[in-house]
Structures are given as C-alpha cells and as structure tokens.
Amino acid sequence: MRLVTFAQGKTVSIGVLDGKNDRVIDLVRAAGVTPDMTAFVALGKKGLALARAALRKAPKKAVVPLRKAPLLAPFPSPRRNILCVGKNYHDHVQELNRSGFDGAAKPSIPEFPIVFTKATTSVIGPGATIPAHLDPTASVDYEGELTVVVGPGGRNISKANAFKHVYGYTIINDVTSRTQQQRYGQWFLGKSLDGFCPMGPWLVTADEVGDVTEIGLETRVNGELRQKAKVSDLIFDIPTLIEAISLGRTLEPGDLIATGTPSGVGLGFKPPKFLKKGDKVSIAFDRVGTLENKVG
C-alpha cells in the first residue's frame, strides 16, 4: 500500500492511495485514526488492516480525488531527527576522493557505518521548493536516497531480525550545502538548513516493495541523468545499518533511516554542478515512486 499525508484546506490528514482510481481514501474519516503518520505506523498490523479495509470499501465522505489532495511529506514533522548514512556506496566514496572534498590521498572505505542526522525542520514535501537561497555559499547539492521507515521499535536488533522492524520505504533528497558541510568539520549543519530534506511522495509498505535489494535509483536534474545505482550496491546493507544504529539505542516506530547516496552528485563534476534557482530534481526508485522538487 501507498500511505500519504495530504492537505485538506487548512488541515492535514493521512490516507491510503487508490492509484487505479486516482483518489485518496482519508483514513481519519474512514477509520477514525489520528491524522499523524508516526502514530499510524505505531499501530502496526492493526493500522494496516484498517487501511486495507478502507481501500476495499470506503464511505463516500472519505473519498478524495487525488487532484484535490495535495501531497505533503509522509512525515511532515518527524518526532525525531532523520538518521542518515554517509559514504555508503563504493563509487560515491571514490567520487568524493577525486573531488578532493575529503582531503584523503586514497579512497577510504568506512569500516563501520557513518551515521549523522538531519533536523526535523529540514523536511519539505513533494513538489515543494528547495530554498537554495538560504545557503549563502551557493554550494547546494542533491543526494537521492532510499529511506527506511521503522515499524516495530527495538534495541539491539540483530541483522537476522532487522527486516521484521521495517515498516516500509520512502525517498529523501539529502540536500546539502557542501561548503558548510566541509567548513564545520561535521555534517549536521550543512545538511539541516530549512527545506533541505525533501521527502515523499508517499510511504510504500514493505510488502509492496518486496526484495528491496532488487530496486534501482535514478536521479535527474533538469532531465539529465546524474545518479544511477541499485540498492544492492550499498556498502552496508539495511540489516547491517539497523543492527549498528540500534546497538544500545532504541529505534522507535516512524524513525527514518536514509541509507546513503551513490556517485553522480554535483560535487563530483569538474567544475561542480551545484543546484541553482529554477532547476528541477527528480529522484525515482523502482516500486517506490518519484520525488520531484524545484529549486528556488
């Protein structure tokens, strides 16, 4: 299923997408749930059963034509910072080395996952404008990333049990001010400017995606293909990431883990191809969807 957060006038609701009929079933009206995706994810199997029932037979008051349901980020205001993984594709590590960004003499493949966070205030939805003007260094870059949505929470989750804790997937553009990322010697500030985390267009449940290692990514800027990779190319796969992040730390329902980006970012070109006003970024993942945003 594809679960969405959408605007209804001045209010926000959550629903399930009926793509065949170009409509959204409002789960607040159909099932009486709270209009908050994190709370819905926490319902687990009970919530999914409610969504399936609403999709099969929804009251007329709960049916909203898709054209009248502007989509927001699935989690417009996540309860916790978005967890992100750096240097998680071999080709991206080599790309960073060639650019001189890391100042290393040779590519340094991480021995363990590199994890940082993006602020909740950086989240914007599909179709929203990336406010590149907020970066005075004019070094705004894109990073297409598959993002795991945690379902059942837990601590000390083993790799063998990791997928039992995956509720589904969405897409994040880990927009970055490269100069600020390098200037401050850590990644939080350069990646947490307001509006620097486009997310969406929806949350796809894990059962619909199936074997996530089979799916591929394509990122385009103004129609030009910039990034192309498979999830199977990750240095640290999803079970490894979940095991590492949950080691002594509790993951909660609705937590988001952006799994890293492949080569093809703007920094990797000579000269760099940073985003500028009027650009359009499109990130597509098989079986998940396409996230598109313009740059302002």
C-alpha atoms as a PDB file:
ATOM      1  CA  MET A   1       0.000   0.000   0.000  1.00  0.00           C
ATOM      2  CA  ARG A   2       0.964   3.611  -0.507  1.00  0.00           C
ATOM      3  CA  LEU A   3       0.230   5.741   2.526  1.00  0.00           C
ATOM      4  CA  VAL A   4       0.111   9.508   2.205  1.00  0.00           C
ATOM      5  CA  THR A   5      -0.105  12.664   4.239  1.00  0.00           C
ATOM      6  CA  PHE A   6      -2.127  15.306   2.431  1.00  0.00           C
ATOM      7  CA  ALA A   7      -3.639  18.746   2.862  1.00  0.00           C
ATOM      8  CA  GLN A   8      -7.356  19.282   3.242  1.00  0.00           C
ATOM      9  CA  GLY A   9      -7.805  23.023   3.233  1.00  0.00           C
ATOM     10  CA  LYS A  10      -6.099  24.264   6.378  1.00  0.00           C
ATOM     11  CA  THR A  11      -5.954  20.824   7.952  1.00  0.00           C
ATOM     12  CA  VAL A  12      -3.736  17.797   7.414  1.00  0.00           C
ATOM     13  CA  SER A  13      -4.873  14.210   7.114  1.00  0.00           C
ATOM     14  CA  ILE A  14      -3.427  10.803   6.281  1.00  0.00           C
ATOM     15  CA  GLY A  15      -4.745   8.310   3.795  1.00  0.00           C
ATOM     16  CA  VAL A  16      -4.167   5.361   1.521  1.00  0.00           C
ATOM     17  CA  LEU A  17      -3.655   5.946  -2.184  1.00  0.00           C
ATOM     18  CA  ASP A  18      -6.055   4.282  -4.610  1.00  0.00           C
ATOM     19  CA  GLY A  19      -3.880   4.743  -7.664  1.00  0.00           C
ATOM     20  CA  LYS A  20      -6.176   2.872 -10.052  1.00  0.00           C
ATOM     21  CA  ASN A  21      -8.905   5.426  -9.463  1.00  0.00           C
ATOM     22  CA  ASP A  22      -6.727   8.496  -8.853  1.00  0.00           C
ATOM     23  CA  ARG A  23      -8.089   9.068  -5.403  1.00  0.00           C
ATOM     24  CA  VAL A  24      -7.092   9.054  -1.749  1.00  0.00           C
ATOM     25  CA  ILE A  25      -9.060   7.325   0.985  1.00  0.00           C
ATOM     26  CA  ASP A  26      -8.975   9.566   4.048  1.00  0.00           C
ATOM     27  CA  LEU A  27      -8.172   7.250   6.963  1.00  0.00           C
ATOM     28  CA  VAL A  28      -9.232   9.817   9.534  1.00  0.00           C
ATOM     29  CA  ARG A  29     -12.762   9.786   8.128  1.00  0.00           C
ATOM     30  CA  ALA A  30     -12.818   6.145   7.123  1.00  0.00           C
ATOM     31  CA  ALA A  31     -11.210   4.585  10.190  1.00  0.00           C
ATOM     32  CA  GLY A  32     -11.132   7.277  12.866  1.00  0.00           C
ATOM     33  CA  VAL A  33      -7.336   7.289  13.191  1.00  0.00           C
ATOM     34  CA  THR A  34      -5.222  10.239  14.314  1.00  0.00           C
ATOM     35  CA  PRO A  35      -4.034  12.400  11.382  1.00  0.00           C
ATOM     36  CA  ASP A  36      -0.376  11.686  12.107  1.00  0.00           C
ATOM     37  CA  MET A  37       1.707   9.203  10.144  1.00  0.00           C
ATOM     38  CA  THR A  38       4.024   8.392  13.035  1.00  0.00           C
ATOM     39  CA  ALA A  39       1.058   7.458  15.225  1.00  0.00           C
ATOM     40  CA  PHE A  40      -0.383   5.382  12.389  1.00  0.00           C
ATOM     41  CA  VAL A  41       2.874   3.475  11.903  1.00  0.00           C
ATOM     42  CA  ALA A  42       2.879   2.757  15.636  1.00  0.00           C
ATOM     43  CA  LEU A  43      -0.462   0.955  15.197  1.00  0.00           C
ATOM     44  CA  GLY A  44       1.421  -1.710  13.246  1.00  0.00           C
ATOM     45  CA  LYS A  45      -0.655  -4.545  11.783  1.00  0.00           C
ATOM     46  CA  LYS A  46      -3.855  -3.093  13.229  1.00  0.00           C
ATOM     47  CA  GLY A  47      -3.373   0.123  11.271  1.00  0.00           C
ATOM     48  CA  LEU A  48      -2.557  -1.737   8.060  1.00  0.00           C
ATOM     49  CA  ALA A  49      -5.718  -3.812   8.449  1.00  0.00           C
ATOM     50  CA  LEU A  50      -7.757  -0.612   8.830  1.00  0.00           C
ATOM     51  CA  ALA A  51      -6.146   0.816   5.688  1.00  0.00           C
ATOM     52  CA  ARG A  52      -6.849  -2.319   3.655  1.00  0.00           C
ATOM     53  CA  ALA A  53     -10.465  -2.340   4.797  1.00  0.00           C
ATOM     54  CA  ALA A  54     -10.862   1.333   3.881  1.00  0.00           C
ATOM     55  CA  LEU A  55      -9.331   0.710   0.468  1.00  0.00           C
ATOM     56  CA  ARG A  56     -11.791  -2.121  -0.211  1.00  0.00           C
ATOM     57  CA  LYS A  57     -14.858  -0.212   0.901  1.00  0.00           C
ATOM     58  CA  ALA A  58     -14.652   3.427   1.920  1.00  0.00           C
ATOM     59  CA  PRO A  59     -17.551   5.685   2.897  1.00  0.00           C
ATOM     60  CA  LYS A  60     -18.192   8.453   0.370  1.00  0.00           C
ATOM     61  CA  LYS A  61     -17.156  11.096   2.893  1.00  0.00           C
ATOM     62  CA  ALA A  62     -13.661   9.561   2.992  1.00  0.00           C
ATOM     63  CA  VAL A  63     -13.005   9.538  -0.770  1.00  0.00           C
ATOM     64  CA  VAL A  64     -10.931  12.471  -2.026  1.00  0.00           C
ATOM     65  CA  PRO A  65      -9.918  12.906  -5.696  1.00  0.00           C
ATOM     66  CA  LEU A  66      -6.140  12.950  -5.914  1.00  0.00           C
ATOM     67  CA  ARG A  67      -6.208  16.332  -7.650  1.00  0.00           C
ATOM     68  CA  LYS A  68      -7.854  17.757  -4.521  1.00  0.00           C
ATOM     69  CA  ALA A  69      -5.426  16.133  -2.095  1.00  0.00           C
ATOM     70  CA  PRO A  70      -2.078  17.960  -2.329  1.00  0.00           C
ATOM     71  CA  LEU A  71       0.550  15.564  -1.026  1.00  0.00           C
ATOM     72  CA  LEU A  72       2.849  16.564   1.813  1.00  0.00           C
ATOM     73  CA  ALA A  73       5.895  14.716   3.096  1.00  0.00           C
ATOM     74  CA  PRO A  74       4.699  11.414   4.600  1.00  0.00           C
ATOM     75  CA  PHE A  75       6.185  12.669   7.887  1.00  0.00           C
ATOM     76  CA  PRO A  76       5.895  16.486   7.694  1.00  0.00           C
ATOM     77  CA  SER A  77       7.179  16.849  11.254  1.00  0.00           C
ATOM     78  CA  PRO A  78       9.076  13.718  12.280  1.00  0.00           C
ATOM     79  CA  ARG A  79       9.236  13.224  16.029  1.00  0.00           C
ATOM     80  CA  ARG A  80      12.994  12.703  15.891  1.00  0.00           C
ATOM     81  CA  ASN A  81      15.829  13.775  13.611  1.00  0.00           C
ATOM     82  CA  ILE A  82      16.220  11.823  10.398  1.00  0.00           C
ATOM     83  CA  LEU A  83      19.039   9.283  10.666  1.00  0.00           C
ATOM     84  CA  CYS A  84      21.345   9.383   7.654  1.00  0.00           C
ATOM     85  CA  VAL A  85      24.249   7.273   6.453  1.00  0.00           C
ATOM     86  CA  GLY A  86      27.301   8.765   4.758  1.00  0.00           C
ATOM     87  CA  LYS A  87      29.713   7.150   2.312  1.00  0.00           C
ATOM     88  CA  ASN A  88      27.600   4.061   1.779  1.00  0.00           C
ATOM     89  CA  TYR A  89      28.268   3.412  -1.922  1.00  0.00           C
ATOM     90  CA  HIS A  90      31.753   2.492  -3.150  1.00  0.00           C
ATOM     91  CA  ASP A  91      31.517   4.718  -6.207  1.00  0.00           C
ATOM     92  CA  HIS A  92      30.489   7.725  -4.104  1.00  0.00           C
ATOM     93  CA  VAL A  93      33.500   7.250  -1.808  1.00  0.00           C
ATOM     94  CA  GLN A  94      35.732   7.302  -4.907  1.00  0.00           C
ATOM     95  CA  GLU A  95      33.880  10.338  -6.222  1.00  0.00           C
ATOM     96  CA  LEU A  96      34.474  12.279  -3.004  1.00  0.00           C
ATOM     97  CA  ASN A  97      38.147  11.341  -3.151  1.00  0.00           C
ATOM     98  CA  ARG A  98      38.541  12.540  -6.744  1.00  0.00           C
ATOM     99  CA  SER A  99      36.882  15.833  -5.871  1.00  0.00           C
ATOM    100  CA  GLY A 100      39.390  16.494  -3.090  1.00  0.00           C
ATOM    101  CA  PHE A 101      36.493  17.088  -0.717  1.00  0.00           C
ATOM    102  CA  ASP A 102      37.844  14.773   1.973  1.00  0.00           C
ATOM    103  CA  GLY A 103      41.482  15.682   1.504  1.00  0.00           C
ATOM    104  CA  ALA A 104      42.419  11.991   1.528  1.00  0.00           C
ATOM    105  CA  ALA A 105      45.211  10.516  -0.580  1.00  0.00           C
ATOM    106  CA  LYS A 106      43.137   7.466  -1.487  1.00  0.00           C
ATOM    107  CA  PRO A 107      39.516   6.368  -1.147  1.00  0.00           C
ATOM    108  CA  SER A 108      38.721   5.464   2.436  1.00  0.00           C
ATOM    109  CA  ILE A 109      36.012   2.795   2.628  1.00  0.00           C
ATOM    110  CA  PRO A 110      34.398   3.037   6.066  1.00  0.00           C
ATOM    111  CA  GLU A 111      34.934   0.091   8.375  1.00  0.00           C
ATOM    112  CA  PHE A 112      31.654   0.829  10.124  1.00  0.00           C
ATOM    113  CA  PRO A 113      28.584   2.866   9.079  1.00  0.00           C
ATOM    114  CA  ILE A 114      28.944   6.640   9.302  1.00  0.00           C
ATOM    115  CA  VAL A 115      25.711   7.975  10.804  1.00  0.00           C
ATOM    116  CA  PHE A 116      24.596  11.586  11.197  1.00  0.00           C
ATOM    117  CA  THR A 117      21.217  13.313  11.412  1.00  0.00           C
ATOM    118  CA  LYS A 118      19.177  15.975   9.659  1.00  0.00           C
ATOM    119  CA  ALA A 119      16.944  18.306  11.645  1.00  0.00           C
ATOM    120  CA  THR A 120      13.196  17.728  11.541  1.00  0.00           C
ATOM    121  CA  THR A 121      12.773  21.342  10.386  1.00  0.00           C
ATOM    122  CA  SER A 122      14.567  20.498   7.127  1.00  0.00           C
ATOM    123  CA  VAL A 123      11.629  18.399   5.864  1.00  0.00           C
ATOM    124  CA  ILE A 124       9.530  19.549   2.918  1.00  0.00           C
ATOM    125  CA  GLY A 125       7.162  17.589   0.702  1.00  0.00           C
ATOM    126  CA  PRO A 126       6.969  16.544  -2.935  1.00  0.00           C
ATOM    127  CA  GLY A 127       6.590  19.484  -5.269  1.00  0.00           C
ATOM    128  CA  ALA A 128       7.764  21.962  -2.644  1.00  0.00           C
ATOM    129  CA  THR A 129      10.568  24.365  -3.496  1.00  0.00           C
ATOM    130  CA  ILE A 130      14.061  23.678  -2.175  1.00  0.00           C
ATOM    131  CA  PRO A 131      15.132  27.028  -0.657  1.00  0.00           C
ATOM    132  CA  ALA A 132      18.678  27.078  -2.027  1.00  0.00           C
ATOM    133  CA  HIS A 133      18.772  30.815  -1.382  1.00  0.00           C
ATOM    134  CA  LEU A 134      19.165  30.056   2.338  1.00  0.00           C
ATOM    135  CA  ASP A 135      22.709  28.852   1.673  1.00  0.00           C
ATOM    136  CA  PRO A 136      24.925  31.949   1.319  1.00  0.00           C
ATOM    137  CA  THR A 137      27.784  29.786  -0.003  1.00  0.00           C
ATOM    138  CA  ALA A 138      25.860  28.809  -3.170  1.00  0.00           C
ATOM    139  CA  SER A 139      27.068  25.204  -2.913  1.00  0.00           C
ATOM    140  CA  VAL A 140      23.734  23.377  -2.759  1.00  0.00           C
ATOM    141  CA  ASP A 141      23.918  19.730  -3.832  1.00  0.00           C
ATOM    142  CA  TYR A 142      21.457  16.849  -4.208  1.00  0.00           C
ATOM    143  CA  GLU A 143      21.640  13.264  -2.927  1.00  0.00           C
ATOM    144  CA  GLY A 144      18.954  10.737  -3.845  1.00  0.00           C
ATOM    145  CA  GLU A 145      18.430   8.189  -1.068  1.00  0.00           C
ATOM    146  CA  LEU A 146      16.165   5.264  -0.286  1.00  0.00           C
ATOM    147  CA  THR A 147      14.830   5.760   3.213  1.00  0.00           C
ATOM    148  CA  VAL A 148      13.730   3.046   5.616  1.00  0.00           C
ATOM    149  CA  VAL A 149      10.664   3.645   7.787  1.00  0.00           C
ATOM    150  CA  VAL A 150      10.957   1.787  11.081  1.00  0.00           C
ATOM    151  CA  GLY A 151       7.874  -0.114  12.222  1.00  0.00           C
ATOM    152  CA  PRO A 152       8.202  -2.125  15.436  1.00  0.00           C
ATOM    153  CA  GLY A 153      10.832  -0.372  17.505  1.00  0.00           C
ATOM    154  CA  GLY A 154      13.539  -2.020  19.485  1.00  0.00           C
ATOM    155  CA  ARG A 155      17.075  -2.034  20.816  1.00  0.00           C
ATOM    156  CA  ASN A 156      19.936  -4.376  19.935  1.00  0.00           C
ATOM    157  CA  ILE A 157      18.192  -5.611  16.800  1.00  0.00           C
ATOM    158  CA  SER A 158      20.155  -8.328  15.030  1.00  0.00           C
ATOM    159  CA  LYS A 159      20.738  -8.380  11.281  1.00  0.00           C
ATOM    160  CA  ALA A 160      18.772 -11.621  11.128  1.00  0.00           C
ATOM    161  CA  ASN A 161      15.683  -9.889  12.551  1.00  0.00           C
ATOM    162  CA  ALA A 162      16.185  -6.443  11.019  1.00  0.00           C
ATOM    163  CA  PHE A 163      13.571  -6.658   8.251  1.00  0.00           C
ATOM    164  CA  LYS A 164      10.933  -7.520  10.871  1.00  0.00           C
ATOM    165  CA  HIS A 165      11.399  -3.920  12.027  1.00  0.00           C
ATOM    166  CA  VAL A 166      10.983  -2.344   8.570  1.00  0.00           C
ATOM    167  CA  TYR A 167       7.509  -0.911   8.019  1.00  0.00           C
ATOM    168  CA  GLY A 168       8.192   0.467   4.565  1.00  0.00           C
ATOM    169  CA  TYR A 169      10.156   2.915   2.469  1.00  0.00           C
ATOM    170  CA  THR A 170      10.105   6.460   1.188  1.00  0.00           C
ATOM    171  CA  ILE A 171      12.524   8.715  -0.712  1.00  0.00           C
ATOM    172  CA  ILE A 172      14.649  11.526   0.656  1.00  0.00           C
ATOM    173  CA  ASN A 173      16.765  14.083  -1.155  1.00  0.00           C
ATOM    174  CA  ASP A 174      19.608  14.717   1.280  1.00  0.00           C
ATOM    175  CA  VAL A 175      20.152  18.278   0.084  1.00  0.00           C
ATOM    176  CA  THR A 176      23.490  19.619   1.276  1.00  0.00           C
ATOM    177  CA  SER A 177      25.442  22.852   1.473  1.00  0.00           C
ATOM    178  CA  ARG A 178      28.849  21.433   0.538  1.00  0.00           C
ATOM    179  CA  THR A 179      30.789  24.436   1.788  1.00  0.00           C
ATOM    180  CA  GLN A 180      29.069  24.368   5.167  1.00  0.00           C
ATOM    181  CA  GLN A 181      29.478  20.595   5.373  1.00  0.00           C
ATOM    182  CA  GLN A 182      33.235  20.974   4.906  1.00  0.00           C
ATOM    183  CA  ARG A 183      33.630  24.201   6.870  1.00  0.00           C
ATOM    184  CA  TYR A 184      32.297  22.924  10.178  1.00  0.00           C
ATOM    185  CA  GLY A 185      34.029  19.540  10.177  1.00  0.00           C
ATOM    186  CA  GLN A 186      30.761  17.641  10.700  1.00  0.00           C
ATOM    187  CA  TRP A 187      27.693  17.130   8.559  1.00  0.00           C
ATOM    188  CA  PHE A 188      24.707  18.234  10.619  1.00  0.00           C
ATOM    189  CA  LEU A 189      24.824  21.969   9.877  1.00  0.00           C
ATOM    190  CA  GLY A 190      25.456  21.647   6.153  1.00  0.00           C
ATOM    191  CA  LYS A 191      22.578  19.212   5.777  1.00  0.00           C
ATOM    192  CA  SER A 192      19.978  20.692   8.130  1.00  0.00           C
ATOM    193  CA  LEU A 193      19.104  24.026   6.575  1.00  0.00           C
ATOM    194  CA  ASP A 194      15.361  24.647   6.478  1.00  0.00           C
ATOM    195  CA  GLY A 195      13.840  22.874   3.486  1.00  0.00           C
ATOM    196  CA  PHE A 196      16.924  20.744   2.788  1.00  0.00           C
ATOM    197  CA  CYS A 197      15.137  17.398   3.222  1.00  0.00           C
ATOM    198  CA  PRO A 198      12.527  16.840   0.504  1.00  0.00           C
ATOM    199  CA  MET A 199      10.635  13.639   1.311  1.00  0.00           C
ATOM    200  CA  GLY A 200       7.974  11.544  -0.383  1.00  0.00           C
ATOM    201  CA  PRO A 201       5.865  11.344  -2.352  1.00  0.00           C
ATOM    202  CA  TRP A 202       4.462   8.633  -0.055  1.00  0.00           C
ATOM    203  CA  LEU A 203       5.312   5.757   2.254  1.00  0.00           C
ATOM    204  CA  VAL A 204       5.253   2.377   0.489  1.00  0.00           C
ATOM    205  CA  THR A 205       4.741  -0.601   2.778  1.00  0.00           C
ATOM    206  CA  ALA A 206       7.473  -3.234   2.794  1.00  0.00           C
ATOM    207  CA  ASP A 207       5.243  -5.982   1.417  1.00  0.00           C
ATOM    208  CA  GLU A 208       4.635  -3.982  -1.762  1.00  0.00           C
ATOM    209  CA  VAL A 209       8.348  -3.368  -2.337  1.00  0.00           C
ATOM    210  CA  GLY A 210       9.389  -6.983  -1.800  1.00  0.00           C
ATOM    211  CA  ASP A 211      13.124  -7.665  -2.129  1.00  0.00           C
ATOM    212  CA  VAL A 212      14.484  -4.173  -1.656  1.00  0.00           C
ATOM    213  CA  THR A 213      17.944  -5.117  -2.940  1.00  0.00           C
ATOM    214  CA  GLU A 214      16.488  -5.532  -6.431  1.00  0.00           C
ATOM    215  CA  ILE A 215      15.281  -1.966  -6.835  1.00  0.00           C
ATOM    216  CA  GLY A 216      17.197   0.818  -8.539  1.00  0.00           C
ATOM    217  CA  LEU A 217      17.634   4.578  -8.234  1.00  0.00           C
ATOM    218  CA  GLU A 218      17.797   7.254 -10.897  1.00  0.00           C
ATOM    219  CA  THR A 219      18.336  10.931 -10.098  1.00  0.00           C
ATOM    220  CA  ARG A 220      17.875  13.534 -12.812  1.00  0.00           C
ATOM    221  CA  VAL A 221      18.468  17.278 -12.790  1.00  0.00           C
ATOM    222  CA  ASN A 222      16.553  19.121 -15.488  1.00  0.00           C
ATOM    223  CA  GLY A 223      16.078  15.756 -17.195  1.00  0.00           C
ATOM    224  CA  GLU A 224      19.800  14.920 -17.240  1.00  0.00           C
ATOM    225  CA  LEU A 225      20.605  11.566 -15.638  1.00  0.00           C
ATOM    226  CA  ARG A 226      23.065  12.184 -12.783  1.00  0.00           C
ATOM    227  CA  GLN A 227      22.778   9.148 -10.482  1.00  0.00           C
ATOM    228  CA  LYS A 228      22.022   5.513 -11.277  1.00  0.00           C
ATOM    229  CA  ALA A 229      22.524   2.636  -8.848  1.00  0.00           C
ATOM    230  CA  LYS A 230      20.971  -0.418  -7.225  1.00  0.00           C
ATOM    231  CA  VAL A 231      20.210  -0.838  -3.544  1.00  0.00           C
ATOM    232  CA  SER A 232      22.341  -3.982  -3.754  1.00  0.00           C
ATOM    233  CA  ASP A 233      25.356  -1.677  -4.296  1.00  0.00           C
ATOM    234  CA  LEU A 234      25.239  -0.415  -0.688  1.00  0.00           C
ATOM    235  CA  ILE A 235      28.441  -0.923   1.301  1.00  0.00           C
ATOM    236  CA  PHE A 236      26.402  -1.536   4.453  1.00  0.00           C
ATOM    237  CA  ASP A 237      23.052  -3.124   3.683  1.00  0.00           C
ATOM    238  CA  ILE A 238      19.839  -2.317   5.504  1.00  0.00           C
ATOM    239  CA  PRO A 239      20.096  -5.106   8.115  1.00  0.00           C
ATOM    240  CA  THR A 240      23.658  -4.011   8.937  1.00  0.00           C
ATOM    241  CA  LEU A 241      22.528  -0.405   9.358  1.00  0.00           C
ATOM    242  CA  ILE A 242      19.637  -1.340  11.637  1.00  0.00           C
ATOM    243  CA  GLU A 243      21.880  -3.555  13.765  1.00  0.00           C
ATOM    244  CA  ALA A 244      24.517  -0.824  14.123  1.00  0.00           C
ATOM    245  CA  ILE A 245      22.091   2.029  14.842  1.00  0.00           C
ATOM    246  CA  SER A 246      20.102   0.016  17.399  1.00  0.00           C
ATOM    247  CA  LEU A 247      23.162  -1.204  19.297  1.00  0.00           C
ATOM    248  CA  GLY A 248      22.376   0.150  22.766  1.00  0.00           C
ATOM    249  CA  ARG A 249      19.981   2.678  21.234  1.00  0.00           C
ATOM    250  CA  THR A 250      16.222   2.357  20.881  1.00  0.00           C
ATOM    251  CA  LEU A 251      14.619   2.735  17.473  1.00  0.00           C
ATOM    252  CA  GLU A 252      11.003   3.882  17.595  1.00  0.00           C
ATOM    253  CA  PRO A 253       8.066   3.489  15.195  1.00  0.00           C
ATOM    254  CA  GLY A 254       8.283   6.125  12.486  1.00  0.00           C
ATOM    255  CA  ASP A 255      12.042   6.616  12.744  1.00  0.00           C
ATOM    256  CA  LEU A 256      13.605   7.286   9.349  1.00  0.00           C
ATOM    257  CA  ILE A 257      16.944   5.939   8.100  1.00  0.00           C
ATOM    258  CA  ALA A 258      18.256   7.431   4.846  1.00  0.00           C
ATOM    259  CA  THR A 259      20.607   4.771   3.532  1.00  0.00           C
ATOM    260  CA  GLY A 260      23.128   6.840   1.577  1.00  0.00           C
ATOM    261  CA  THR A 261      23.659   8.146  -1.947  1.00  0.00           C
ATOM    262  CA  PRO A 262      25.626   6.831  -4.938  1.00  0.00           C
ATOM    263  CA  SER A 263      28.001   8.718  -7.220  1.00  0.00           C
ATOM    264  CA  GLY A 264      26.761  11.448  -9.529  1.00  0.00           C
ATOM    265  CA  VAL A 265      26.280  14.258  -7.035  1.00  0.00           C
ATOM    266  CA  GLY A 266      27.018  17.790  -8.193  1.00  0.00           C
ATOM    267  CA  LEU A 267      30.266  17.935  -6.237  1.00  0.00           C
ATOM    268  CA  GLY A 268      31.692  15.120  -8.345  1.00  0.00           C
ATOM    269  CA  PHE A 269      31.747  17.114 -11.586  1.00  0.00           C
ATOM    270  CA  LYS A 270      34.550  19.421 -12.699  1.00  0.00           C
ATOM    271  CA  PRO A 271      33.570  22.129 -12.231  1.00  0.00           C
ATOM    272  CA  PRO A 272      30.883  21.138  -9.673  1.00  0.00           C
ATOM    273  CA  LYS A 273      27.287  21.239 -10.856  1.00  0.00           C
ATOM    274  CA  PHE A 274      25.607  22.738  -7.809  1.00  0.00           C
ATOM    275  CA  LEU A 275      21.879  23.438  -7.849  1.00  0.00           C
ATOM    276  CA  LYS A 276      20.627  26.846  -8.878  1.00  0.00           C
ATOM    277  CA  LYS A 277      17.292  28.602  -8.948  1.00  0.00           C
ATOM    278  CA  GLY A 278      14.918  27.093 -11.483  1.00  0.00           C
ATOM    279  CA  ASP A 279      16.499  23.626 -11.516  1.00  0.00           C
ATOM    280  CA  LYS A 280      14.267  20.580 -11.169  1.00  0.00           C
ATOM    281  CA  VAL A 281      15.456  17.497  -9.269  1.00  0.00           C
ATOM    282  CA  SER A 282      13.743  14.147  -9.821  1.00  0.00           C
ATOM    283  CA  ILE A 283      14.599  11.040  -7.780  1.00  0.00           C
ATOM    284  CA  ALA A 284      12.992   7.759  -8.800  1.00  0.00           C
ATOM    285  CA  PHE A 285      13.124   4.366  -7.080  1.00  0.00           C
ATOM    286  CA  ASP A 286      11.592   1.258  -8.630  1.00  0.00           C
ATOM    287  CA  ARG A 287       8.450   0.131  -6.753  1.00  0.00           C
ATOM    288  CA  VAL A 288       8.599   3.202  -4.506  1.00  0.00           C
ATOM    289  CA  GLY A 289       7.897   6.261  -6.631  1.00  0.00           C
ATOM    290  CA  THR A 290       9.340   9.544  -7.843  1.00  0.00           C
ATOM    291  CA  LEU A 291      10.155  12.586  -5.723  1.00  0.00           C
ATOM    292  CA  GLU A 292      10.321  15.860  -7.625  1.00  0.00           C
ATOM    293  CA  ASN A 293      11.224  19.326  -6.397  1.00  0.00           C
ATOM    294  CA  LYS A 294      12.180  22.620  -7.963  1.00  0.00           C
ATOM    295  CA  VAL A 295      14.963  24.812  -6.652  1.00  0.00           C
ATOM    296  CA  GLY A 296      14.362  28.371  -5.501  1.00  0.00           C
END
